């Protein structure tokens, strides 16, 4: 599940997502520097990516209200 621009919870395959968790590959060098790169095959490491910065705050507030009202 993810959140739409209107704050409704939707499936991850729908286009109007305000955020995504994108699969990545992470490496850490001997010098302590950590680097990441896109990896569509990754199943256990993800990076949080806000897709629609202008809509994100209002959408997440609406989604929280929707989720809490169901309790």
PDB file of N, CA and C in Angstrom:
ATOM      1  N   UNK A   1       0.841  -1.177   0.000  1.00  0.00           N
ATOM      2  CA  UNK A   1       0.000   0.000   0.000  1.00  0.00           C
ATOM      3  C   UNK A   1       0.890   1.245   0.000  1.00  0.00           C
ATOM      4  N   UNK A   2       0.341   2.306  -0.571  1.00  0.00           N
ATOM      5  CA  UNK A   2       0.994   3.606  -0.549  1.00  0.00           C
ATOM      6  C   UNK A   2      -0.099   4.663  -0.451  1.00  0.00           C
ATOM      7  N   UNK A   3       0.263   5.906  -0.604  1.00  0.00           N
ATOM      8  CA  UNK A   3      -0.689   7.004  -0.436  1.00  0.00           C
ATOM      9  C   UNK A   3      -0.784   7.804  -1.730  1.00  0.00           C
ATOM     10  N   UNK A   4      -2.031   8.119  -2.132  1.00  0.00           N
ATOM     11  CA  UNK A   4      -2.261   8.927  -3.331  1.00  0.00           C
ATOM     12  C   UNK A   4      -2.128  10.405  -3.003  1.00  0.00           C
ATOM     13  N   UNK A   5      -2.197  11.246  -4.011  1.00  0.00           N
ATOM     14  CA  UNK A   5      -2.095  12.694  -3.810  1.00  0.00           C
ATOM     15  C   UNK A   5      -3.263  13.243  -2.993  1.00  0.00           C
ATOM     16  N   UNK A   6      -4.375  12.505  -2.943  1.00  0.00           N
ATOM     17  CA  UNK A   6      -5.529  12.957  -2.153  1.00  0.00           C
ATOM     18  C   UNK A   6      -5.536  12.377  -0.754  1.00  0.00           C
ATOM     19  N   UNK A   7      -4.544  11.545  -0.437  1.00  0.00           N
ATOM     20  CA  UNK A   7      -4.440  10.982   0.896  1.00  0.00           C
ATOM     21  C   UNK A   7      -5.100   9.630   1.056  1.00  0.00           C
ATOM     22  N   UNK A   8      -5.614   9.058  -0.025  1.00  0.00           N
ATOM     23  CA  UNK A   8      -6.206   7.729   0.048  1.00  0.00           C
ATOM     24  C   UNK A   8      -5.118   6.674  -0.040  1.00  0.00           C
ATOM     25  N   UNK A   9      -5.283   5.586   0.680  1.00  0.00           N
ATOM     26  CA  UNK A   9      -4.331   4.492   0.542  1.00  0.00           C
ATOM     27  C   UNK A   9      -4.672   3.736  -0.741  1.00  0.00           C
ATOM     28  N   UNK A  10      -3.645   3.455  -1.527  1.00  0.00           N
ATOM     29  CA  UNK A  10      -3.819   2.821  -2.837  1.00  0.00           C
ATOM     30  C   UNK A  10      -2.771   1.733  -3.009  1.00  0.00           C
ATOM     31  N   UNK A  11      -2.925   0.936  -4.042  1.00  0.00           N
ATOM     32  CA  UNK A  11      -1.938  -0.089  -4.375  1.00  0.00           C
ATOM     33  C   UNK A  11      -0.653   0.547  -4.889  1.00  0.00           C
ATOM     34  N   UNK A  12       0.462  -0.141  -4.693  1.00  0.00           N
ATOM     35  CA  UNK A  12       1.760   0.404  -5.109  1.00  0.00           C
ATOM     36  C   UNK A  12       1.909   0.547  -6.603  1.00  0.00           C
ATOM     37  N   UNK A  13       1.091  -0.126  -7.385  1.00  0.00           N
ATOM     38  CA  UNK A  13       1.236  -0.060  -8.838  1.00  0.00           C
ATOM     39  C   UNK A  13       0.521   1.150  -9.449  1.00  0.00           C
ATOM     40  N   UNK A  14      -0.260   1.857  -8.651  1.00  0.00           N
ATOM     41  CA  UNK A  14      -0.986   3.004  -9.190  1.00  0.00           C
ATOM     42  C   UNK A  14      -0.063   4.206  -9.349  1.00  0.00           C
ATOM     43  N   UNK A  15      -0.356   5.067 -10.315  1.00  0.00           N
ATOM     44  CA  UNK A  15       0.565   6.124 -10.735  1.00  0.00           C
ATOM     45  C   UNK A  15       0.629   7.325  -9.803  1.00  0.00           C
ATOM     46  N   UNK A  16      -0.410   7.625  -9.068  1.00  0.00           N
ATOM     47  CA  UNK A  16      -0.483   8.874  -8.310  1.00  0.00           C
ATOM     48  C   UNK A  16       0.121   8.765  -6.909  1.00  0.00           C
ATOM     49  N   UNK A  17       1.248   8.115  -6.781  1.00  0.00           N
ATOM     50  CA  UNK A  17       1.875   7.928  -5.472  1.00  0.00           C
ATOM     51  C   UNK A  17       2.628   9.184  -5.039  1.00  0.00           C
ATOM     52  N   UNK A  18       2.512   9.546  -3.756  1.00  0.00           N
ATOM     53  CA  UNK A  18       3.279  10.692  -3.265  1.00  0.00           C
ATOM     54  C   UNK A  18       4.652  10.255  -2.756  1.00  0.00           C
ATOM     55  N   UNK A  19       4.811   8.961  -2.498  1.00  0.00           N
ATOM     56  CA  UNK A  19       6.120   8.441  -2.103  1.00  0.00           C
ATOM     57  C   UNK A  19       6.266   7.011  -2.608  1.00  0.00           C
ATOM     58  N   UNK A  20       7.508   6.554  -2.677  1.00  0.00           N
ATOM     59  CA  UNK A  20       7.794   5.156  -3.001  1.00  0.00           C
ATOM     60  C   UNK A  20       8.955   4.670  -2.138  1.00  0.00           C
ATOM     61  N   UNK A  21       9.057   3.376  -1.995  1.00  0.00           N
ATOM     62  CA  UNK A  21      10.236   2.731  -1.438  1.00  0.00           C
ATOM     63  C   UNK A  21      10.898   2.025  -2.606  1.00  0.00           C
ATOM     64  N   UNK A  22      12.000   2.560  -3.073  1.00  0.00           N
ATOM     65  CA  UNK A  22      12.662   2.052  -4.268  1.00  0.00           C
ATOM     66  C   UNK A  22      13.755   1.042  -3.899  1.00  0.00           C
ATOM     67  N   UNK A  23      13.798  -0.101  -4.596  1.00  0.00           N
ATOM     68  CA  UNK A  23      14.807  -1.118  -4.297  1.00  0.00           C
ATOM     69  C   UNK A  23      16.212  -0.621  -4.649  1.00  0.00           C
ATOM     70  N   UNK A  24      17.151  -0.895  -3.757  1.00  0.00           N
ATOM     71  CA  UNK A  24      18.526  -0.427  -3.952  1.00  0.00           C
ATOM     72  C   UNK A  24      19.536  -1.512  -3.580  1.00  0.00           C
ATOM     73  N   UNK A  25      20.771  -1.280  -4.013  1.00  0.00           N
ATOM     74  CA  UNK A  25      21.928  -2.066  -3.609  1.00  0.00           C
ATOM     75  C   UNK A  25      22.806  -1.141  -2.764  1.00  0.00           C
ATOM     76  N   UNK A  26      23.291  -1.637  -1.640  1.00  0.00           N
ATOM     77  CA  UNK A  26      24.120  -0.832  -0.741  1.00  0.00           C
ATOM     78  C   UNK A  26      25.480  -1.482  -0.601  1.00  0.00           C
ATOM     79  N   UNK A  27      26.526  -0.663  -0.699  1.00  0.00           N
ATOM     80  CA  UNK A  27      27.887  -1.151  -0.473  1.00  0.00           C
ATOM     81  C   UNK A  27      28.578  -0.212   0.508  1.00  0.00           C
ATOM     82  N   UNK A  28      29.437  -0.791   1.320  1.00  0.00           N
ATOM     83  CA  UNK A  28      30.197   0.009   2.287  1.00  0.00           C
ATOM     84  C   UNK A  28      31.674  -0.315   2.089  1.00  0.00           C
ATOM     85  N   UNK A  29      32.441   0.722   1.752  1.00  0.00           N
ATOM     86  CA  UNK A  29      33.858   0.527   1.503  1.00  0.00           C
ATOM     87  C   UNK A  29      34.661   0.428   2.784  1.00  0.00           C
ATOM     88  N   UNK A  30      35.909   0.000   2.665  1.00  0.00           N
ATOM     89  CA  UNK A  30      36.806  -0.116   3.811  1.00  0.00           C
ATOM     90  C   UNK A  30      37.037   1.241   4.471  1.00  0.00           C
ATOM     91  N   UNK A  31      36.836   2.326   3.704  1.00  0.00           N
ATOM     92  CA  UNK A  31      37.014   3.673   4.244  1.00  0.00           C
ATOM     93  C   UNK A  31      35.772   4.165   4.995  1.00  0.00           C
ATOM     94  N   UNK A  32      34.721   3.319   5.078  1.00  0.00           N
ATOM     95  CA  UNK A  32      33.511   3.670   5.806  1.00  0.00           C
ATOM     96  C   UNK A  32      32.484   4.419   4.984  1.00  0.00           C
ATOM     97  N   UNK A  33      32.784   4.664   3.726  1.00  0.00           N
ATOM     98  CA  UNK A  33      31.838   5.388   2.874  1.00  0.00           C
ATOM     99  C   UNK A  33      30.804   4.408   2.333  1.00  0.00           C
ATOM    100  N   UNK A  34      29.546   4.748   2.567  1.00  0.00           N
ATOM    101  CA  UNK A  34      28.442   3.916   2.105  1.00  0.00           C
ATOM    102  C   UNK A  34      27.870   4.509   0.829  1.00  0.00           C
ATOM    103  N   UNK A  35      27.668   3.665  -0.160  1.00  0.00           N
ATOM    104  CA  UNK A  35      27.096   4.093  -1.430  1.00  0.00           C
ATOM    105  C   UNK A  35      25.915   3.200  -1.760  1.00  0.00           C
ATOM    106  N   UNK A  36      24.945   3.748  -2.457  1.00  0.00           N
ATOM    107  CA  UNK A  36      23.804   2.961  -2.906  1.00  0.00           C
ATOM    108  C   UNK A  36      23.552   3.233  -4.379  1.00  0.00           C
ATOM    109  N   UNK A  37      22.917   2.254  -5.023  1.00  0.00           N
ATOM    110  CA  UNK A  37      22.538   2.394  -6.422  1.00  0.00           C
ATOM    111  C   UNK A  37      21.210   1.671  -6.631  1.00  0.00           C
ATOM    112  N   UNK A  38      20.487   2.071  -7.663  1.00  0.00           N
ATOM    113  CA  UNK A  38      19.222   1.418  -7.992  1.00  0.00           C
ATOM    114  C   UNK A  38      19.469  -0.056  -8.282  1.00  0.00           C
ATOM    115  N   UNK A  39      18.562  -0.911  -7.816  1.00  0.00           N
ATOM    116  CA  UNK A  39      18.653  -2.338  -8.077  1.00  0.00           C
ATOM    117  C   UNK A  39      17.239  -2.917  -8.115  1.00  0.00           C
ATOM    118  N   UNK A  40      16.610  -2.968  -9.281  1.00  0.00           N
ATOM    119  CA  UNK A  40      15.231  -3.449  -9.395  1.00  0.00           C
ATOM    120  C   UNK A  40      15.026  -4.873  -8.861  1.00  0.00           C
ATOM    121  N   UNK A  41      16.096  -5.648  -8.743  1.00  0.00           N
ATOM    122  CA  UNK A  41      15.978  -7.035  -8.264  1.00  0.00           C
ATOM    123  C   UNK A  41      16.058  -7.151  -6.747  1.00  0.00           C
ATOM    124  N   UNK A  42      16.406  -6.065  -6.056  1.00  0.00           N
ATOM    125  CA  UNK A  42      16.544  -6.111  -4.604  1.00  0.00           C
ATOM    126  C   UNK A  42      15.205  -6.423  -3.944  1.00  0.00           C
ATOM    127  N   UNK A  43      15.250  -7.285  -2.938  1.00  0.00           N
ATOM    128  CA  UNK A  43      14.038  -7.650  -2.208  1.00  0.00           C
ATOM    129  C   UNK A  43      14.143  -7.295  -0.724  1.00  0.00           C
ATOM    130  N   UNK A  44      15.306  -6.792  -0.284  1.00  0.00           N
ATOM    131  CA  UNK A  44      15.459  -6.555   1.148  1.00  0.00           C
ATOM    132  C   UNK A  44      16.040  -5.187   1.516  1.00  0.00           C
ATOM    133  N   UNK A  45      16.316  -4.348   0.539  1.00  0.00           N
ATOM    134  CA  UNK A  45      16.828  -3.003   0.835  1.00  0.00           C
ATOM    135  C   UNK A  45      16.100  -1.991  -0.036  1.00  0.00           C
ATOM    136  N   UNK A  46      15.615  -0.941   0.623  1.00  0.00           N
ATOM    137  CA  UNK A  46      14.828   0.070  -0.082  1.00  0.00           C
ATOM    138  C   UNK A  46      15.199   1.455   0.428  1.00  0.00           C
ATOM    139  N   UNK A  47      14.999   2.450  -0.413  1.00  0.00           N
ATOM    140  CA  UNK A  47      15.218   3.837  -0.021  1.00  0.00           C
ATOM    141  C   UNK A  47      13.899   4.588  -0.191  1.00  0.00           C
ATOM    142  N   UNK A  48      13.581   5.408   0.797  1.00  0.00           N
ATOM    143  CA  UNK A  48      12.354   6.193   0.781  1.00  0.00           C
ATOM    144  C   UNK A  48      12.523   7.381  -0.160  1.00  0.00           C
ATOM    145  N   UNK A  49      11.560   7.578  -1.066  1.00  0.00           N
ATOM    146  CA  UNK A  49      11.663   8.623  -2.074  1.00  0.00           C
ATOM    147  C   UNK A  49      10.334   9.372  -2.143  1.00  0.00           C
ATOM    148  N   UNK A  50      10.343  10.658  -1.805  1.00  0.00           N
ATOM    149  CA  UNK A  50       9.136  11.476  -1.940  1.00  0.00           C
ATOM    150  C   UNK A  50       9.016  11.869  -3.403  1.00  0.00           C
ATOM    151  N   UNK A  51       7.923  11.457  -4.030  1.00  0.00           N
ATOM    152  CA  UNK A  51       7.702  11.700  -5.459  1.00  0.00           C
ATOM    153  C   UNK A  51       7.021  13.034  -5.734  1.00  0.00           C
ATOM    154  N   UNK A  52       6.173  13.489  -4.826  1.00  0.00           N
ATOM    155  CA  UNK A  52       5.428  14.723  -5.042  1.00  0.00           C
ATOM    156  C   UNK A  52       5.544  15.588  -3.783  1.00  0.00           C
ATOM    157  N   UNK A  53       6.603  16.376  -3.735  1.00  0.00           N
ATOM    158  CA  UNK A  53       6.890  17.178  -2.534  1.00  0.00           C
ATOM    159  C   UNK A  53       5.771  18.137  -2.161  1.00  0.00           C
ATOM    160  N   UNK A  54       5.130  18.735  -3.134  1.00  0.00           N
ATOM    161  CA  UNK A  54       4.067  19.696  -2.829  1.00  0.00           C
ATOM    162  C   UNK A  54       2.840  19.030  -2.212  1.00  0.00           C
ATOM    163  N   UNK A  55       2.542  17.813  -2.628  1.00  0.00           N
ATOM    164  CA  UNK A  55       1.352  17.112  -2.148  1.00  0.00           C
ATOM    165  C   UNK A  55       1.599  16.252  -0.912  1.00  0.00           C
ATOM    166  N   UNK A  56       2.849  15.954  -0.623  1.00  0.00           N
ATOM    167  CA  UNK A  56       3.187  14.996   0.423  1.00  0.00           C
ATOM    168  C   UNK A  56       2.603  15.335   1.796  1.00  0.00           C
ATOM    169  N   UNK A  57       2.802  16.546   2.351  1.00  0.00           N
ATOM    170  CA  UNK A  57       2.298  16.810   3.704  1.00  0.00           C
ATOM    171  C   UNK A  57       0.781  16.639   3.840  1.00  0.00           C
ATOM    172  N   UNK A  58       0.016  17.215   2.937  1.00  0.00           N
ATOM    173  CA  UNK A  58      -1.442  17.116   3.021  1.00  0.00           C
ATOM    174  C   UNK A  58      -1.917  15.682   2.785  1.00  0.00           C
ATOM    175  N   UNK A  59      -1.285  14.986   1.837  1.00  0.00           N
ATOM    176  CA  UNK A  59      -1.680  13.607   1.543  1.00  0.00           C
ATOM    177  C   UNK A  59      -1.411  12.691   2.732  1.00  0.00           C
ATOM    178  N   UNK A  60      -0.272  12.856   3.388  1.00  0.00           N
ATOM    179  CA  UNK A  60       0.052  12.003   4.525  1.00  0.00           C
ATOM    180  C   UNK A  60      -0.850  12.314   5.717  1.00  0.00           C
ATOM    181  N   UNK A  61      -1.213  13.571   5.905  1.00  0.00           N
ATOM    182  CA  UNK A  61      -2.151  13.930   6.973  1.00  0.00           C
ATOM    183  C   UNK A  61      -3.510  13.286   6.719  1.00  0.00           C
ATOM    184  N   UNK A  62      -3.988  13.369   5.487  1.00  0.00           N
ATOM    185  CA  UNK A  62      -5.280  12.760   5.124  1.00  0.00           C
ATOM    186  C   UNK A  62      -5.227  11.237   5.289  1.00  0.00           C
ATOM    187  N   UNK A  63      -4.108  10.621   4.908  1.00  0.00           N
ATOM    188  CA  UNK A  63      -3.966   9.161   5.032  1.00  0.00           C
ATOM    189  C   UNK A  63      -3.982   8.744   6.500  1.00  0.00           C
ATOM    190  N   UNK A  64      -3.326   9.505   7.370  1.00  0.00           N
ATOM    191  CA  UNK A  64      -3.316   9.198   8.786  1.00  0.00           C
ATOM    192  C   UNK A  64      -4.724   9.295   9.378  1.00  0.00           C
ATOM    193  N   UNK A  65      -5.455  10.318   8.974  1.00  0.00           N
ATOM    194  CA  UNK A  65      -6.844  10.472   9.429  1.00  0.00           C
ATOM    195  C   UNK A  65      -7.672   9.277   8.969  1.00  0.00           C
ATOM    196  N   UNK A  66      -7.499   8.871   7.701  1.00  0.00           N
ATOM    197  CA  UNK A  66      -8.238   7.725   7.159  1.00  0.00           C
ATOM    198  C   UNK A  66      -7.929   6.454   7.953  1.00  0.00           C
ATOM    199  N   UNK A  67      -6.655   6.220   8.233  1.00  0.00           N
ATOM    200  CA  UNK A  67      -6.260   5.014   8.946  1.00  0.00           C
ATOM    201  C   UNK A  67      -6.754   5.017  10.394  1.00  0.00           C
ATOM    202  N   UNK A  68      -6.625   6.150  11.078  1.00  0.00           N
ATOM    203  CA  UNK A  68      -7.034   6.214  12.483  1.00  0.00           C
ATOM    204  C   UNK A  68      -8.549   6.173  12.647  1.00  0.00           C
ATOM    205  N   UNK A  69      -9.281   6.697  11.687  1.00  0.00           N
ATOM    206  CA  UNK A  69     -10.749   6.681  11.791  1.00  0.00           C
ATOM    207  C   UNK A  69     -11.298   5.266  11.641  1.00  0.00           C
ATOM    208  N   UNK A  70     -10.512   4.375  11.096  1.00  0.00           N
ATOM    209  CA  UNK A  70     -10.933   2.984  10.963  1.00  0.00           C
ATOM    210  C   UNK A  70     -10.722   2.146  12.216  1.00  0.00           C
ATOM    211  N   UNK A  71     -10.113   2.720  13.220  1.00  0.00           N
ATOM    212  CA  UNK A  71      -9.849   1.950  14.461  1.00  0.00           C
ATOM    213  C   UNK A  71     -11.060   1.875  15.351  1.00  0.00           C
TER     214      UNK A  71
END
